[in-house]
C-alpha atoms as a PDB file:
ATOM      1  CA  MET A   1       7.773  33.895 -24.762  1.00  0.00           C
ATOM      2  CA  ILE A   2       7.000  30.835 -22.639  1.00  0.00           C
ATOM      3  CA  LYS A   3       8.504  27.508 -23.652  1.00  0.00           C
ATOM      4  CA  LEU A   4       5.876  25.001 -22.619  1.00  0.00           C
ATOM      5  CA  ASN A   5       6.523  21.333 -22.021  1.00  0.00           C
ATOM      6  CA  PRO A   6       3.142  19.620 -21.523  1.00  0.00           C
ATOM      7  CA  ASP A   7       4.882  16.632 -19.919  1.00  0.00           C
ATOM      8  CA  ARG A   8       6.388  18.775 -17.150  1.00  0.00           C
ATOM      9  CA  ARG A   9       3.926  19.107 -14.304  1.00  0.00           C
ATOM     10  CA  THR A  10       3.741  22.053 -11.952  1.00  0.00           C
ATOM     11  CA  VAL A  11       4.320  20.925  -8.370  1.00  0.00           C
ATOM     12  CA  ARG A  12       2.584  23.035  -5.733  1.00  0.00           C
ATOM     13  CA  GLU A  13       3.086  23.017  -1.971  1.00  0.00           C
ATOM     14  CA  THR A  14       0.613  23.271   0.878  1.00  0.00           C
ATOM     15  CA  SER A  15       0.480  21.862   4.409  1.00  0.00           C
ATOM     16  CA  ALA A  16      -1.759  19.550   6.413  1.00  0.00           C
ATOM     17  CA  SER A  17      -2.119  18.345   9.976  1.00  0.00           C
ATOM     18  CA  PHE A  18      -0.912  14.770  10.422  1.00  0.00           C
ATOM     19  CA  GLU A  19      -1.627  12.566  13.436  1.00  0.00           C
ATOM     20  CA  TYR A  20       0.694   9.750  14.453  1.00  0.00           C
ATOM     21  CA  THR A  21       1.670   7.759  17.515  1.00  0.00           C
ATOM     22  CA  ASP A  22       5.237   8.423  18.646  1.00  0.00           C
ATOM     23  CA  ASP A  23       7.732   5.888  20.039  1.00  0.00           C
ATOM     24  CA  LYS A  24       6.281   6.356  23.542  1.00  0.00           C
ATOM     25  CA  GLY A  25       2.745   5.561  22.366  1.00  0.00           C
ATOM     26  CA  VAL A  26       1.583   9.175  22.629  1.00  0.00           C
ATOM     27  CA  LEU A  27      -0.704  10.608  19.945  1.00  0.00           C
ATOM     28  CA  GLN A  28       1.002  13.567  18.272  1.00  0.00           C
ATOM     29  CA  THR A  29      -0.150  16.068  15.657  1.00  0.00           C
ATOM     30  CA  GLU A  30       2.259  17.938  13.426  1.00  0.00           C
ATOM     31  CA  THR A  31       1.971  20.053  10.324  1.00  0.00           C
ATOM     32  CA  ILE A  32       3.532  18.401   7.281  1.00  0.00           C
ATOM     33  CA  ARG A  33       4.369  19.726   3.839  1.00  0.00           C
ATOM     34  CA  VAL A  34       2.261  18.340   1.007  1.00  0.00           C
ATOM     35  CA  LEU A  35       3.736  18.588  -2.488  1.00  0.00           C
ATOM     36  CA  TYR A  36       1.244  17.761  -5.213  1.00  0.00           C
ATOM     37  CA  LYS A  37       0.977  17.883  -8.979  1.00  0.00           C
ATOM     38  CA  SER A  38      -1.301  20.690 -10.040  1.00  0.00           C
ATOM     39  CA  PRO A  39      -4.175  18.925 -11.819  1.00  0.00           C
ATOM     40  CA  THR A  40      -4.800  19.437 -15.511  1.00  0.00           C
ATOM     41  CA  VAL A  41      -8.213  19.315 -17.143  1.00  0.00           C
ATOM     42  CA  ALA A  42      -7.280  15.844 -18.420  1.00  0.00           C
ATOM     43  CA  ASP A  43      -6.537  14.731 -14.832  1.00  0.00           C
ATOM     44  CA  ILE A  44      -9.900  16.001 -13.616  1.00  0.00           C
ATOM     45  CA  LYS A  45     -11.734  14.294 -16.482  1.00  0.00           C
ATOM     46  CA  ARG A  46      -9.904  11.015 -15.803  1.00  0.00           C
ATOM     47  CA  ALA A  47     -10.692  11.161 -12.068  1.00  0.00           C
ATOM     48  CA  THR A  48     -14.349  11.977 -12.771  1.00  0.00           C
ATOM     49  CA  ASP A  49     -14.633   9.101 -15.246  1.00  0.00           C
ATOM     50  CA  LEU A  50     -13.012   6.721 -12.740  1.00  0.00           C
ATOM     51  CA  VAL A  51     -15.484   7.663 -10.015  1.00  0.00           C
ATOM     52  CA  LYS A  52     -18.444   7.291 -12.404  1.00  0.00           C
ATOM     53  CA  ALA A  53     -17.229   3.885 -13.599  1.00  0.00           C
ATOM     54  CA  LYS A  54     -16.715   2.632 -10.059  1.00  0.00           C
ATOM     55  CA  ARG A  55     -20.174   3.802  -9.009  1.00  0.00           C
ATOM     56  CA  LYS A  56     -21.756   1.924 -11.919  1.00  0.00           C
ATOM     57  CA  SER A  57     -19.920  -1.293 -11.022  1.00  0.00           C
ATOM     58  CA  ASP A  58     -20.440  -0.960  -7.244  1.00  0.00           C
ATOM     59  CA  THR A  59     -16.649  -1.007  -6.851  1.00  0.00           C
ATOM     60  CA  PRO A  60     -15.449   1.184  -3.996  1.00  0.00           C
ATOM     61  CA  TYR A  61     -13.441   4.271  -4.798  1.00  0.00           C
ATOM     62  CA  TRP A  62     -10.671   4.913  -2.316  1.00  0.00           C
ATOM     63  CA  LEU A  63      -9.145   8.266  -1.458  1.00  0.00           C
ATOM     64  CA  SER A  64      -5.738   6.585  -1.455  1.00  0.00           C
ATOM     65  CA  GLU A  65      -6.168   5.874  -5.198  1.00  0.00           C
ATOM     66  CA  GLU A  66      -6.811   9.506  -6.032  1.00  0.00           C
ATOM     67  CA  LEU A  67      -4.042  10.854  -3.826  1.00  0.00           C
ATOM     68  CA  ALA A  68      -1.445   8.373  -5.118  1.00  0.00           C
ATOM     69  CA  ASP A  69      -1.824   9.936  -8.570  1.00  0.00           C
ATOM     70  CA  GLN A  70      -1.937  13.504  -7.306  1.00  0.00           C
ATOM     71  CA  LEU A  71       0.827  13.600  -4.686  1.00  0.00           C
ATOM     72  CA  ASP A  72       4.407  14.337  -5.626  1.00  0.00           C
ATOM     73  CA  SER A  73       5.833  13.867  -2.128  1.00  0.00           C
ATOM     74  CA  LEU A  74       5.307  14.206   1.599  1.00  0.00           C
ATOM     75  CA  PRO A  75       8.864  15.277   2.466  1.00  0.00           C
ATOM     76  CA  ASP A  76       8.299  15.477   6.237  1.00  0.00           C
ATOM     77  CA  LEU A  77       7.329  11.794   6.474  1.00  0.00           C
ATOM     78  CA  VAL A  78      10.556   9.796   6.422  1.00  0.00           C
ATOM     79  CA  ASP A  79      11.666   6.201   6.902  1.00  0.00           C
ATOM     80  CA  ASP A  80      14.162   4.878   9.476  1.00  0.00           C
ATOM     81  CA  LYS A  81      17.034   6.183   7.350  1.00  0.00           C
ATOM     82  CA  GLY A  82      15.557   9.700   7.150  1.00  0.00           C
ATOM     83  CA  LYS A  83      14.534   9.386   3.512  1.00  0.00           C
ATOM     84  CA  PRO A  84      11.056  10.446   2.330  1.00  0.00           C
ATOM     85  CA  PHE A  85       8.745   7.596   1.376  1.00  0.00           C
ATOM     86  CA  LYS A  86       7.911   6.952  -2.252  1.00  0.00           C
ATOM     87  CA  ILE A  87       4.243   7.825  -2.734  1.00  0.00           C
ATOM     88  CA  THR A  88       2.246   4.698  -3.553  1.00  0.00           C
ATOM     89  CA  GLU A  89      -1.340   3.633  -3.082  1.00  0.00           C
ATOM     90  CA  GLU A  90      -0.085   0.969  -0.681  1.00  0.00           C
ATOM     91  CA  LEU A  91       1.670   3.573   1.489  1.00  0.00           C
ATOM     92  CA  LEU A  92      -1.358   5.873   1.512  1.00  0.00           C
ATOM     93  CA  SER A  93      -3.656   2.959   2.356  1.00  0.00           C
ATOM     94  CA  SER A  94      -1.676   2.526   5.566  1.00  0.00           C
ATOM     95  CA  PHE A  95      -2.575   6.074   6.689  1.00  0.00           C
ATOM     96  CA  SER A  96      -5.621   6.788   8.813  1.00  0.00           C
ATOM     97  CA  LEU A  97      -8.667   8.117   7.016  1.00  0.00           C
ATOM     98  CA  LYS A  98      -8.354  11.307   9.071  1.00  0.00           C
ATOM     99  CA  ASN A  99      -4.837  11.910   7.696  1.00  0.00           C
ATOM    100  CA  LEU A 100      -5.873  11.174   4.107  1.00  0.00           C
ATOM    101  CA  LYS A 101      -8.807  13.573   4.412  1.00  0.00           C
ATOM    102  CA  ALA A 102      -6.548  16.260   5.892  1.00  0.00           C
ATOM    103  CA  ILE A 103      -4.150  15.914   2.947  1.00  0.00           C
ATOM    104  CA  ALA A 104      -6.993  15.972   0.391  1.00  0.00           C
ATOM    105  CA  GLU A 105      -8.605  18.988   2.073  1.00  0.00           C
ATOM    106  CA  ALA A 106      -5.269  20.836   2.149  1.00  0.00           C
ATOM    107  CA  ILE A 107      -4.873  20.313  -1.604  1.00  0.00           C
ATOM    108  CA  GLU A 108      -8.476  21.351  -2.262  1.00  0.00           C
ATOM    109  CA  GLY A 109      -8.041  24.449  -0.104  1.00  0.00           C
ATOM    110  CA  ASP A 110      -4.841  25.394  -1.920  1.00  0.00           C
ATOM    111  CA  LEU A 111      -6.459  24.987  -5.336  1.00  0.00           C
ATOM    112  CA  ASN A 112      -9.663  26.793  -4.334  1.00  0.00           C
ATOM    113  CA  PRO A 113      -8.811  29.327  -1.639  1.00  0.00           C
ATOM    114  CA  LYS A 114     -11.756  30.991   0.022  1.00  0.00           C
ATOM    115  CA  SER A 115     -11.710  34.717  -0.403  1.00  0.00           C
ATOM    116  CA  GLU A 116     -11.431  36.558   2.885  1.00  0.00           C
ATOM    117  CA  GLY A 117     -12.693  39.740   1.236  1.00  0.00           C
ATOM    118  CA  THR A 118     -11.786  43.224   2.307  1.00  0.00           C
ATOM    119  CA  LYS A 119     -12.951  45.091   5.365  1.00  0.00           C
END
């Protein structure tokens, strides 16, 4: 028997490439862990409705908005004290579009893996 708590979300883990400039001004790329809340049907409906509403009102829809709701943590991105950042839309808006897309694509790929088939 499974005791189900609908308020408890499943957190899944994947990884994404993340570009940043180090202390010496050199562009670096590392693989980071991406922990995200597995979306429910209600989450997908809400996100779809939000996009539709924004399109009707000519209000831009930002990837940082969607990811702020979906992400649980990015534990490999830490502050000066070595603590992971709290995920907020403001934090995600400070990331490059390339990094946000990499995170979104990593989540999408984890949720919908492409079958490699058998040989």
